[in-house]
Amino acid sequence: MGKIIKMKKDRACLFIDGTNLYAAQYELFGPKRYLDFGKLISELEKNLKIKFNKIYFYASYSPKSQKPTKKEKEYLKNEALFYRSVRKTPRVVFLKVIVLKQAEKKKK
C-alpha cells in the first residue's frame, strides 16, 4: 500500500496507493469510522524514526450510481471524510486518478 524511497541524507518520500488503503480501512472500521490519516503518518514517522519530506498519495474516487443505495451513500460519505483527512495532512501531494466507466473504455 505504500513505499518509502530514501533520497539524499535525511530526506524521504512516501508513496501511498490511497484507493487500496481506503478499501482496507473501510473493511476494518466500516461506514461509521475512518482512519485519521494525519495520525497514521505521525505514528509511522515516530516508529520508523524518519520525517517524510513529501507524501505522494494517489487515489480515485468511487463512482456514484444514478440511484445510490443507503449502503453506497454511507460508503461514499465515509470515503469523502477519509480523503478530506488526507488532504489536511501536511506535506501530502494528493494525486487524483481518473477512472473511466467501463462503457467509455470500450469506445476507445
PDB file of N, CA and C in Angstrom:
ATOM      1  N   MET A   1       0.805  -1.199   0.000  1.00  0.00           N
ATOM      2  CA  MET A   1       0.000   0.000   0.000  1.00  0.00           C
ATOM      3  C   MET A   1       0.844   1.258   0.000  1.00  0.00           C
ATOM      4  N   GLY A   2       2.085   1.128   0.392  1.00  0.00           N
ATOM      5  CA  GLY A   2       2.950   2.290   0.419  1.00  0.00           C
ATOM      6  C   GLY A   2       4.379   1.884   0.172  1.00  0.00           C
ATOM      7  N   LYS A   3       5.176   2.845  -0.211  1.00  0.00           N
ATOM      8  CA  LYS A   3       6.576   2.576  -0.471  1.00  0.00           C
ATOM      9  C   LYS A   3       7.371   3.782  -0.017  1.00  0.00           C
ATOM     10  N   ILE A   4       8.445   3.531   0.714  1.00  0.00           N
ATOM     11  CA  ILE A   4       9.303   4.603   1.186  1.00  0.00           C
ATOM     12  C   ILE A   4      10.537   4.628   0.293  1.00  0.00           C
ATOM     13  N   ILE A   5      10.846   5.794  -0.200  1.00  0.00           N
ATOM     14  CA  ILE A   5      12.044   5.954  -1.007  1.00  0.00           C
ATOM     15  C   ILE A   5      12.952   6.944  -0.296  1.00  0.00           C
ATOM     16  N   LYS A   6      14.134   6.483   0.094  1.00  0.00           N
ATOM     17  CA  LYS A   6      15.101   7.377   0.720  1.00  0.00           C
ATOM     18  C   LYS A   6      15.824   8.127  -0.378  1.00  0.00           C
ATOM     19  N   MET A   7      15.960   9.400  -0.153  1.00  0.00           N
ATOM     20  CA  MET A   7      16.651  10.238  -1.120  1.00  0.00           C
ATOM     21  C   MET A   7      18.006  10.600  -0.531  1.00  0.00           C
ATOM     22  N   LYS A   8      18.393  11.831  -0.617  1.00  0.00           N
ATOM     23  CA  LYS A   8      19.636  12.274  -0.013  1.00  0.00           C
ATOM     24  C   LYS A   8      19.546  12.062   1.491  1.00  0.00           C
ATOM     25  N   LYS A   9      20.653  12.219   2.160  1.00  0.00           N
ATOM     26  CA  LYS A   9      20.692  12.030   3.605  1.00  0.00           C
ATOM     27  C   LYS A   9      19.562  12.823   4.266  1.00  0.00           C
ATOM     28  N   ASP A  10      18.851  12.163   5.147  1.00  0.00           N
ATOM     29  CA  ASP A  10      17.755  12.770   5.914  1.00  0.00           C
ATOM     30  C   ASP A  10      16.578  13.237   5.057  1.00  0.00           C
ATOM     31  N   ARG A  11      16.419  12.663   3.878  1.00  0.00           N
ATOM     32  CA  ARG A  11      15.262  13.000   3.045  1.00  0.00           C
ATOM     33  C   ARG A  11      14.560  11.704   2.667  1.00  0.00           C
ATOM     34  N   ALA A  12      13.248  11.699   2.784  1.00  0.00           N
ATOM     35  CA  ALA A  12      12.482  10.511   2.422  1.00  0.00           C
ATOM     36  C   ALA A  12      11.123  10.931   1.893  1.00  0.00           C
ATOM     37  N   CYS A  13      10.636  10.177   0.929  1.00  0.00           N
ATOM     38  CA  CYS A  13       9.297  10.381   0.384  1.00  0.00           C
ATOM     39  C   CYS A  13       8.501   9.094   0.592  1.00  0.00           C
ATOM     40  N   LEU A  14       7.229   9.248   0.789  1.00  0.00           N
ATOM     41  CA  LEU A  14       6.344   8.105   0.966  1.00  0.00           C
ATOM     42  C   LEU A  14       5.335   8.123  -0.178  1.00  0.00           C
ATOM     43  N   PHE A  15       5.153   6.984  -0.830  1.00  0.00           N
ATOM     44  CA  PHE A  15       4.184   6.837  -1.914  1.00  0.00           C
ATOM     45  C   PHE A  15       3.094   5.887  -1.441  1.00  0.00           C
ATOM     46  N   ILE A  16       1.846   6.344  -1.505  1.00  0.00           N
ATOM     47  CA  ILE A  16       0.736   5.552  -0.988  1.00  0.00           C
ATOM     48  C   ILE A  16      -0.332   5.357  -2.056  1.00  0.00           C
ATOM     49  N   ASP A  17      -0.729   4.103  -2.228  1.00  0.00           N
ATOM     50  CA  ASP A  17      -1.871   3.769  -3.076  1.00  0.00           C
ATOM     51  C   ASP A  17      -3.108   3.976  -2.202  1.00  0.00           C
ATOM     52  N   GLY A  18      -3.674   5.156  -2.304  1.00  0.00           N
ATOM     53  CA  GLY A  18      -4.776   5.548  -1.429  1.00  0.00           C
ATOM     54  C   GLY A  18      -6.054   4.768  -1.623  1.00  0.00           C
ATOM     55  N   THR A  19      -6.320   4.324  -2.825  1.00  0.00           N
ATOM     56  CA  THR A  19      -7.536   3.563  -3.078  1.00  0.00           C
ATOM     57  C   THR A  19      -7.510   2.256  -2.299  1.00  0.00           C
ATOM     58  N   ASN A  20      -6.382   1.560  -2.327  1.00  0.00           N
ATOM     59  CA  ASN A  20      -6.266   0.309  -1.573  1.00  0.00           C
ATOM     60  C   ASN A  20      -6.238   0.555  -0.075  1.00  0.00           C
ATOM     61  N   LEU A  21      -5.574   1.635   0.356  1.00  0.00           N
ATOM     62  CA  LEU A  21      -5.556   1.961   1.779  1.00  0.00           C
ATOM     63  C   LEU A  21      -6.970   2.247   2.263  1.00  0.00           C
ATOM     64  N   TYR A  22      -7.719   3.017   1.481  1.00  0.00           N
ATOM     65  CA  TYR A  22      -9.098   3.312   1.880  1.00  0.00           C
ATOM     66  C   TYR A  22      -9.928   2.029   1.973  1.00  0.00           C
ATOM     67  N   ALA A  23      -9.835   1.177   0.981  1.00  0.00           N
ATOM     68  CA  ALA A  23     -10.623  -0.066   0.981  1.00  0.00           C
ATOM     69  C   ALA A  23     -10.299  -0.923   2.208  1.00  0.00           C
ATOM     70  N   ALA A  24      -9.024  -1.012   2.560  1.00  0.00           N
ATOM     71  CA  ALA A  24      -8.617  -1.820   3.715  1.00  0.00           C
ATOM     72  C   ALA A  24      -9.135  -1.214   5.016  1.00  0.00           C
ATOM     73  N   GLN A  25      -9.041   0.102   5.146  1.00  0.00           N
ATOM     74  CA  GLN A  25      -9.520   0.717   6.381  1.00  0.00           C
ATOM     75  C   GLN A  25     -11.034   0.639   6.477  1.00  0.00           C
ATOM     76  N   TYR A  26     -11.737   0.686   5.349  1.00  0.00           N
ATOM     77  CA  TYR A  26     -13.197   0.559   5.366  1.00  0.00           C
ATOM     78  C   TYR A  26     -13.590  -0.850   5.809  1.00  0.00           C
ATOM     79  N   GLU A  27     -12.840  -1.830   5.351  1.00  0.00           N
ATOM     80  CA  GLU A  27     -13.101  -3.214   5.750  1.00  0.00           C
ATOM     81  C   GLU A  27     -12.915  -3.379   7.267  1.00  0.00           C
ATOM     82  N   LEU A  28     -11.932  -2.688   7.817  1.00  0.00           N
ATOM     83  CA  LEU A  28     -11.680  -2.758   9.257  1.00  0.00           C
ATOM     84  C   LEU A  28     -12.709  -1.991  10.083  1.00  0.00           C
ATOM     85  N   PHE A  29     -12.997  -0.752   9.685  1.00  0.00           N
ATOM     86  CA  PHE A  29     -13.816   0.141  10.503  1.00  0.00           C
ATOM     87  C   PHE A  29     -15.281   0.225  10.096  1.00  0.00           C
ATOM     88  N   GLY A  30     -15.598  -0.097   8.861  1.00  0.00           N
ATOM     89  CA  GLY A  30     -16.977   0.032   8.398  1.00  0.00           C
ATOM     90  C   GLY A  30     -17.341   1.478   8.101  1.00  0.00           C
ATOM     91  N   PRO A  31     -18.630   1.754   7.891  1.00  0.00           N
ATOM     92  CA  PRO A  31     -19.056   3.081   7.448  1.00  0.00           C
ATOM     93  C   PRO A  31     -19.099   4.151   8.534  1.00  0.00           C
ATOM     94  N   LYS A  32     -19.008   3.768   9.793  1.00  0.00           N
ATOM     95  CA  LYS A  32     -19.178   4.742  10.881  1.00  0.00           C
ATOM     96  C   LYS A  32     -17.879   5.412  11.308  1.00  0.00           C
ATOM     97  N   ARG A  33     -16.730   4.823  10.978  1.00  0.00           N
ATOM     98  CA  ARG A  33     -15.437   5.381  11.373  1.00  0.00           C
ATOM     99  C   ARG A  33     -14.492   5.355  10.185  1.00  0.00           C
ATOM    100  N   TYR A  34     -13.460   6.159  10.259  1.00  0.00           N
ATOM    101  CA  TYR A  34     -12.437   6.139   9.218  1.00  0.00           C
ATOM    102  C   TYR A  34     -11.082   6.454   9.848  1.00  0.00           C
ATOM    103  N   LEU A  35     -10.047   6.043   9.176  1.00  0.00           N
ATOM    104  CA  LEU A  35      -8.682   6.227   9.621  1.00  0.00           C
ATOM    105  C   LEU A  35      -8.297   7.700   9.555  1.00  0.00           C
ATOM    106  N   ASP A  36      -7.739   8.226  10.643  1.00  0.00           N
ATOM    107  CA  ASP A  36      -7.218   9.592  10.651  1.00  0.00           C
ATOM    108  C   ASP A  36      -5.833   9.531  10.010  1.00  0.00           C
ATOM    109  N   PHE A  37      -5.742   9.993   8.795  1.00  0.00           N
ATOM    110  CA  PHE A  37      -4.517   9.859   8.019  1.00  0.00           C
ATOM    111  C   PHE A  37      -3.345  10.603   8.658  1.00  0.00           C
ATOM    112  N   GLY A  38      -3.599  11.779   9.193  1.00  0.00           N
ATOM    113  CA  GLY A  38      -2.541  12.555   9.839  1.00  0.00           C
ATOM    114  C   GLY A  38      -1.927  11.811  11.013  1.00  0.00           C
ATOM    115  N   LYS A  39      -2.769  11.158  11.811  1.00  0.00           N
ATOM    116  CA  LYS A  39      -2.270  10.375  12.945  1.00  0.00           C
ATOM    117  C   LYS A  39      -1.475   9.165  12.455  1.00  0.00           C
ATOM    118  N   LEU A  40      -1.931   8.546  11.367  1.00  0.00           N
ATOM    119  CA  LEU A  40      -1.200   7.414  10.792  1.00  0.00           C
ATOM    120  C   LEU A  40       0.215   7.841  10.399  1.00  0.00           C
ATOM    121  N   ILE A  41       0.338   8.976   9.732  1.00  0.00           N
ATOM    122  CA  ILE A  41       1.649   9.467   9.304  1.00  0.00           C
ATOM    123  C   ILE A  41       2.519   9.781  10.517  1.00  0.00           C
ATOM    124  N   SER A  42       1.939  10.421  11.522  1.00  0.00           N
ATOM    125  CA  SER A  42       2.700  10.731  12.747  1.00  0.00           C
ATOM    126  C   SER A  42       3.238   9.464  13.394  1.00  0.00           C
ATOM    127  N   GLU A  43       2.401   8.426  13.480  1.00  0.00           N
ATOM    128  CA  GLU A  43       2.827   7.161  14.083  1.00  0.00           C
ATOM    129  C   GLU A  43       3.911   6.480  13.237  1.00  0.00           C
ATOM    130  N   LEU A  44       3.748   6.522  11.923  1.00  0.00           N
ATOM    131  CA  LEU A  44       4.771   5.937  11.051  1.00  0.00           C
ATOM    132  C   LEU A  44       6.113   6.642  11.244  1.00  0.00           C
ATOM    133  N   GLU A  45       6.076   7.960  11.249  1.00  0.00           N
ATOM    134  CA  GLU A  45       7.312   8.716  11.412  1.00  0.00           C
ATOM    135  C   GLU A  45       7.961   8.434  12.768  1.00  0.00           C
ATOM    136  N   LYS A  46       7.137   8.365  13.787  1.00  0.00           N
ATOM    137  CA  LYS A  46       7.658   8.097  15.131  1.00  0.00           C
ATOM    138  C   LYS A  46       8.278   6.704  15.209  1.00  0.00           C
ATOM    139  N   ASN A  47       7.562   5.702  14.719  1.00  0.00           N
ATOM    140  CA  ASN A  47       8.046   4.318  14.807  1.00  0.00           C
ATOM    141  C   ASN A  47       9.219   4.032  13.879  1.00  0.00           C
ATOM    142  N   LEU A  48       9.242   4.661  12.722  1.00  0.00           N
ATOM    143  CA  LEU A  48      10.339   4.458  11.778  1.00  0.00           C
ATOM    144  C   LEU A  48      11.515   5.412  12.026  1.00  0.00           C
ATOM    145  N   LYS A  49      11.281   6.379  12.920  1.00  0.00           N
ATOM    146  CA  LYS A  49      12.299   7.404  13.220  1.00  0.00           C
ATOM    147  C   LYS A  49      12.757   8.112  11.948  1.00  0.00           C
ATOM    148  N   ILE A  50      11.767   8.603  11.225  1.00  0.00           N
ATOM    149  CA  ILE A  50      12.024   9.279   9.953  1.00  0.00           C
ATOM    150  C   ILE A  50      11.001  10.399   9.803  1.00  0.00           C
ATOM    151  N   LYS A  51      11.365  11.437   9.091  1.00  0.00           N
ATOM    152  CA  LYS A  51      10.446  12.531   8.796  1.00  0.00           C
ATOM    153  C   LYS A  51      10.302  12.583   7.275  1.00  0.00           C
ATOM    154  N   PHE A  52       9.072  12.377   6.793  1.00  0.00           N
ATOM    155  CA  PHE A  52       8.837  12.392   5.353  1.00  0.00           C
ATOM    156  C   PHE A  52       8.828  13.827   4.844  1.00  0.00           C
ATOM    157  N   ASN A  53       9.604  14.082   3.799  1.00  0.00           N
ATOM    158  CA  ASN A  53       9.608  15.400   3.184  1.00  0.00           C
ATOM    159  C   ASN A  53       8.340  15.606   2.363  1.00  0.00           C
ATOM    160  N   LYS A  54       7.941  14.561   1.647  1.00  0.00           N
ATOM    161  CA  LYS A  54       6.714  14.594   0.838  1.00  0.00           C
ATOM    162  C   LYS A  54       6.028  13.246   0.962  1.00  0.00           C
ATOM    163  N   ILE A  55       4.702  13.309   0.901  1.00  0.00           N
ATOM    164  CA  ILE A  55       3.888  12.102   0.919  1.00  0.00           C
ATOM    165  C   ILE A  55       3.019  12.167  -0.335  1.00  0.00           C
ATOM    166  N   TYR A  56       3.292  11.284  -1.267  1.00  0.00           N
ATOM    167  CA  TYR A  56       2.528  11.242  -2.514  1.00  0.00           C
ATOM    168  C   TYR A  56       1.408  10.223  -2.353  1.00  0.00           C
ATOM    169  N   PHE A  57       0.195  10.705  -2.437  1.00  0.00           N
ATOM    170  CA  PHE A  57      -0.992   9.890  -2.198  1.00  0.00           C
ATOM    171  C   PHE A  57      -1.807   9.899  -3.483  1.00  0.00           C
ATOM    172  N   TYR A  58      -1.933   8.751  -4.123  1.00  0.00           N
ATOM    173  CA  TYR A  58      -2.715   8.698  -5.357  1.00  0.00           C
ATOM    174  C   TYR A  58      -3.939   7.825  -5.130  1.00  0.00           C
ATOM    175  N   ALA A  59      -5.078   8.321  -5.604  1.00  0.00           N
ATOM    176  CA  ALA A  59      -6.343   7.632  -5.351  1.00  0.00           C
ATOM    177  C   ALA A  59      -7.380   8.014  -6.390  1.00  0.00           C
ATOM    178  N   SER A  60      -8.395   7.202  -6.450  1.00  0.00           N
ATOM    179  CA  SER A  60      -9.541   7.511  -7.299  1.00  0.00           C
ATOM    180  C   SER A  60     -10.790   7.479  -6.428  1.00  0.00           C
ATOM    181  N   TYR A  61     -11.701   8.372  -6.720  1.00  0.00           N
ATOM    182  CA  TYR A  61     -12.971   8.390  -6.007  1.00  0.00           C
ATOM    183  C   TYR A  61     -13.885   7.326  -6.600  1.00  0.00           C
ATOM    184  N   SER A  62     -14.682   6.729  -5.754  1.00  0.00           N
ATOM    185  CA  SER A  62     -15.637   5.729  -6.233  1.00  0.00           C
ATOM    186  C   SER A  62     -16.718   6.411  -7.054  1.00  0.00           C
ATOM    187  N   PRO A  63     -17.120   5.796  -8.149  1.00  0.00           N
ATOM    188  CA  PRO A  63     -18.200   6.391  -8.942  1.00  0.00           C
ATOM    189  C   PRO A  63     -19.532   6.266  -8.204  1.00  0.00           C
ATOM    190  N   LYS A  64     -20.399   7.248  -8.403  1.00  0.00           N
ATOM    191  CA  LYS A  64     -21.717   7.240  -7.761  1.00  0.00           C
ATOM    192  C   LYS A  64     -22.744   6.802  -8.795  1.00  0.00           C
ATOM    193  N   SER A  65     -23.540   5.818  -8.438  1.00  0.00           N
ATOM    194  CA  SER A  65     -24.570   5.361  -9.373  1.00  0.00           C
ATOM    195  C   SER A  65     -25.719   6.362  -9.422  1.00  0.00           C
ATOM    196  N   GLN A  66     -26.570   6.228 -10.420  1.00  0.00           N
ATOM    197  CA  GLN A  66     -27.684   7.165 -10.574  1.00  0.00           C
ATOM    198  C   GLN A  66     -28.678   7.066  -9.421  1.00  0.00           C
ATOM    199  N   LYS A  67     -28.875   5.864  -8.909  1.00  0.00           N
ATOM    200  CA  LYS A  67     -29.780   5.666  -7.772  1.00  0.00           C
ATOM    201  C   LYS A  67     -29.011   4.930  -6.670  1.00  0.00           C
ATOM    202  N   PRO A  68     -28.185   5.676  -5.913  1.00  0.00           N
ATOM    203  CA  PRO A  68     -27.366   5.004  -4.895  1.00  0.00           C
ATOM    204  C   PRO A  68     -28.204   4.442  -3.751  1.00  0.00           C
ATOM    205  N   THR A  69     -27.801   3.283  -3.287  1.00  0.00           N
ATOM    206  CA  THR A  69     -28.462   2.658  -2.140  1.00  0.00           C
ATOM    207  C   THR A  69     -27.967   3.341  -0.862  1.00  0.00           C
ATOM    208  N   LYS A  70     -28.599   3.032   0.243  1.00  0.00           N
ATOM    209  CA  LYS A  70     -28.185   3.580   1.539  1.00  0.00           C
ATOM    210  C   LYS A  70     -26.743   3.154   1.837  1.00  0.00           C
ATOM    211  N   LYS A  71     -26.421   1.899   1.554  1.00  0.00           N
ATOM    212  CA  LYS A  71     -25.078   1.378   1.793  1.00  0.00           C
ATOM    213  C   LYS A  71     -24.047   2.138   0.952  1.00  0.00           C
ATOM    214  N   GLU A  72     -24.373   2.387  -0.328  1.00  0.00           N
ATOM    215  CA  GLU A  72     -23.462   3.120  -1.200  1.00  0.00           C
ATOM    216  C   GLU A  72     -23.273   4.558  -0.711  1.00  0.00           C
ATOM    217  N   LYS A  73     -24.354   5.201  -0.274  1.00  0.00           N
ATOM    218  CA  LYS A  73     -24.254   6.565   0.245  1.00  0.00           C
ATOM    219  C   LYS A  73     -23.346   6.618   1.469  1.00  0.00           C
ATOM    220  N   GLU A  74     -23.476   5.633   2.364  1.00  0.00           N
ATOM    221  CA  GLU A  74     -22.617   5.576   3.552  1.00  0.00           C
ATOM    222  C   GLU A  74     -21.155   5.411   3.147  1.00  0.00           C
ATOM    223  N   TYR A  75     -20.922   4.541   2.180  1.00  0.00           N
ATOM    224  CA  TYR A  75     -19.564   4.293   1.693  1.00  0.00           C
ATOM    225  C   TYR A  75     -18.967   5.573   1.109  1.00  0.00           C
ATOM    226  N   LEU A  76     -19.710   6.255   0.254  1.00  0.00           N
ATOM    227  CA  LEU A  76     -19.217   7.470  -0.392  1.00  0.00           C
ATOM    228  C   LEU A  76     -18.965   8.590   0.615  1.00  0.00           C
ATOM    229  N   LYS A  77     -19.829   8.704   1.615  1.00  0.00           N
ATOM    230  CA  LYS A  77     -19.639   9.718   2.654  1.00  0.00           C
ATOM    231  C   LYS A  77     -18.373   9.419   3.446  1.00  0.00           C
ATOM    232  N   ASN A  78     -18.195   8.157   3.808  1.00  0.00           N
ATOM    233  CA  ASN A  78     -17.016   7.739   4.554  1.00  0.00           C
ATOM    234  C   ASN A  78     -15.756   7.992   3.736  1.00  0.00           C
ATOM    235  N   GLU A  79     -15.808   7.660   2.454  1.00  0.00           N
ATOM    236  CA  GLU A  79     -14.670   7.871   1.560  1.00  0.00           C
ATOM    237  C   GLU A  79     -14.306   9.359   1.499  1.00  0.00           C
ATOM    238  N   ALA A  80     -15.298  10.218   1.388  1.00  0.00           N
ATOM    239  CA  ALA A  80     -15.053  11.656   1.321  1.00  0.00           C
ATOM    240  C   ALA A  80     -14.403  12.167   2.610  1.00  0.00           C
ATOM    241  N   LEU A  81     -14.866  11.678   3.755  1.00  0.00           N
ATOM    242  CA  LEU A  81     -14.276  12.086   5.036  1.00  0.00           C
ATOM    243  C   LEU A  81     -12.826  11.617   5.150  1.00  0.00           C
ATOM    244  N   PHE A  82     -12.575  10.390   4.709  1.00  0.00           N
ATOM    245  CA  PHE A  82     -11.212   9.872   4.747  1.00  0.00           C
ATOM    246  C   PHE A  82     -10.291  10.706   3.858  1.00  0.00           C
ATOM    247  N   TYR A  83     -10.713  10.951   2.620  1.00  0.00           N
ATOM    248  CA  TYR A  83      -9.879  11.728   1.700  1.00  0.00           C
ATOM    249  C   TYR A  83      -9.694  13.169   2.193  1.00  0.00           C
ATOM    250  N   ARG A  84     -10.681  13.712   2.895  1.00  0.00           N
ATOM    251  CA  ARG A  84     -10.531  15.045   3.479  1.00  0.00           C
ATOM    252  C   ARG A  84      -9.414  15.033   4.526  1.00  0.00           C
ATOM    253  N   SER A  85      -9.354  13.969   5.330  1.00  0.00           N
ATOM    254  CA  SER A  85      -8.292  13.884   6.337  1.00  0.00           C
ATOM    255  C   SER A  85      -6.923  13.760   5.668  1.00  0.00           C
ATOM    256  N   VAL A  86      -6.884  13.122   4.512  1.00  0.00           N
ATOM    257  CA  VAL A  86      -5.622  13.017   3.764  1.00  0.00           C
ATOM    258  C   VAL A  86      -5.195  14.405   3.297  1.00  0.00           C
ATOM    259  N   ARG A  87      -6.124  15.141   2.706  1.00  0.00           N
ATOM    260  CA  ARG A  87      -5.802  16.466   2.159  1.00  0.00           C
ATOM    261  C   ARG A  87      -5.368  17.456   3.236  1.00  0.00           C
ATOM    262  N   LYS A  88      -5.844  17.271   4.470  1.00  0.00           N
ATOM    263  CA  LYS A  88      -5.476  18.165   5.578  1.00  0.00           C
ATOM    264  C   LYS A  88      -4.071  17.887   6.110  1.00  0.00           C
ATOM    265  N   THR A  89      -3.530  16.746   5.788  1.00  0.00           N
ATOM    266  CA  THR A  89      -2.235  16.339   6.323  1.00  0.00           C
ATOM    267  C   THR A  89      -1.115  17.114   5.640  1.00  0.00           C
ATOM    268  N   PRO A  90      -0.243  17.739   6.439  1.00  0.00           N
ATOM    269  CA  PRO A  90       0.868  18.494   5.842  1.00  0.00           C
ATOM    270  C   PRO A  90       1.776  17.600   4.996  1.00  0.00           C
ATOM    271  N   ARG A  91       2.338  18.190   3.972  1.00  0.00           N
ATOM    272  CA  ARG A  91       3.319  17.562   3.076  1.00  0.00           C
ATOM    273  C   ARG A  91       2.723  16.540   2.126  1.00  0.00           C
ATOM    274  N   VAL A  92       1.410  16.427   2.074  1.00  0.00           N
ATOM    275  CA  VAL A  92       0.765  15.463   1.177  1.00  0.00           C
ATOM    276  C   VAL A  92       0.518  16.093  -0.186  1.00  0.00           C
ATOM    277  N   VAL A  93       0.901  15.359  -1.203  1.00  0.00           N
ATOM    278  CA  VAL A  93       0.560  15.710  -2.584  1.00  0.00           C
ATOM    279  C   VAL A  93      -0.500  14.695  -2.991  1.00  0.00           C
ATOM    280  N   PHE A  94      -1.727  15.163  -3.152  1.00  0.00           N
ATOM    281  CA  PHE A  94      -2.858  14.287  -3.460  1.00  0.00           C
ATOM    282  C   PHE A  94      -3.013  14.226  -4.972  1.00  0.00           C
ATOM    283  N   LEU A  95      -2.825  13.047  -5.522  1.00  0.00           N
ATOM    284  CA  LEU A  95      -2.940  12.849  -6.963  1.00  0.00           C
ATOM    285  C   LEU A  95      -4.216  12.075  -7.247  1.00  0.00           C
ATOM    286  N   LYS A  96      -5.155  12.730  -7.865  1.00  0.00           N
ATOM    287  CA  LYS A  96      -6.440  12.098  -8.166  1.00  0.00           C
ATOM    288  C   LYS A  96      -6.338  11.360  -9.495  1.00  0.00           C
ATOM    289  N   VAL A  97      -6.651  10.092  -9.447  1.00  0.00           N
ATOM    290  CA  VAL A  97      -6.635   9.259 -10.645  1.00  0.00           C
ATOM    291  C   VAL A  97      -8.050   9.248 -11.218  1.00  0.00           C
ATOM    292  N   ILE A  98      -8.165   9.488 -12.490  1.00  0.00           N
ATOM    293  CA  ILE A  98      -9.481   9.493 -13.136  1.00  0.00           C
ATOM    294  C   ILE A  98      -9.777   8.090 -13.645  1.00  0.00           C
ATOM    295  N   VAL A  99     -10.913   7.568 -13.243  1.00  0.00           N
ATOM    296  CA  VAL A  99     -11.325   6.231 -13.655  1.00  0.00           C
ATOM    297  C   VAL A  99     -12.468   6.379 -14.649  1.00  0.00           C
ATOM    298  N   LEU A 100     -12.259   5.835 -15.830  1.00  0.00           N
ATOM    299  CA  LEU A 100     -13.313   5.881 -16.844  1.00  0.00           C
ATOM    300  C   LEU A 100     -14.300   4.749 -16.601  1.00  0.00           C
ATOM    301  N   LYS A 101     -15.538   5.025 -16.888  1.00  0.00           N
ATOM    302  CA  LYS A 101     -16.559   3.977 -16.769  1.00  0.00           C
ATOM    303  C   LYS A 101     -16.284   2.913 -17.815  1.00  0.00           C
ATOM    304  N   GLN A 102     -16.737   1.720 -17.581  1.00  0.00           N
ATOM    305  CA  GLN A 102     -16.483   0.588 -18.470  1.00  0.00           C
ATOM    306  C   GLN A 102     -16.931   0.876 -19.903  1.00  0.00           C
ATOM    307  N   ALA A 103     -18.083   1.522 -20.078  1.00  0.00           N
ATOM    308  CA  ALA A 103     -18.586   1.811 -21.419  1.00  0.00           C
ATOM    309  C   ALA A 103     -17.670   2.787 -22.151  1.00  0.00           C
ATOM    310  N   GLU A 104     -17.108   3.763 -21.424  1.00  0.00           N
ATOM    311  CA  GLU A 104     -16.205   4.739 -22.031  1.00  0.00           C
ATOM    312  C   GLU A 104     -14.905   4.060 -22.456  1.00  0.00           C
ATOM    313  N   LYS A 105     -14.452   3.091 -21.688  1.00  0.00           N
ATOM    314  CA  LYS A 105     -13.224   2.373 -22.017  1.00  0.00           C
ATOM    315  C   LYS A 105     -13.372   1.600 -23.312  1.00  0.00           C
ATOM    316  N   LYS A 106     -14.548   0.998 -23.532  1.00  0.00           N
ATOM    317  CA  LYS A 106     -14.784   0.184 -24.717  1.00  0.00           C
ATOM    318  C   LYS A 106     -14.795   1.026 -25.993  1.00  0.00           C
ATOM    319  N   LYS A 107     -15.221   2.300 -25.883  1.00  0.00           N
ATOM    320  CA  LYS A 107     -15.289   3.176 -27.034  1.00  0.00           C
ATOM    321  C   LYS A 107     -13.907   3.485 -27.587  1.00  0.00           C
ATOM    322  N   LYS A 108     -12.902   3.491 -26.717  1.00  0.00           N
ATOM    323  CA  LYS A 108     -11.544   3.883 -27.132  1.00  0.00           C
ATOM    324  C   LYS A 108     -10.777   2.764 -27.742  1.00  0.00           C
TER     325      LYS A 108
END
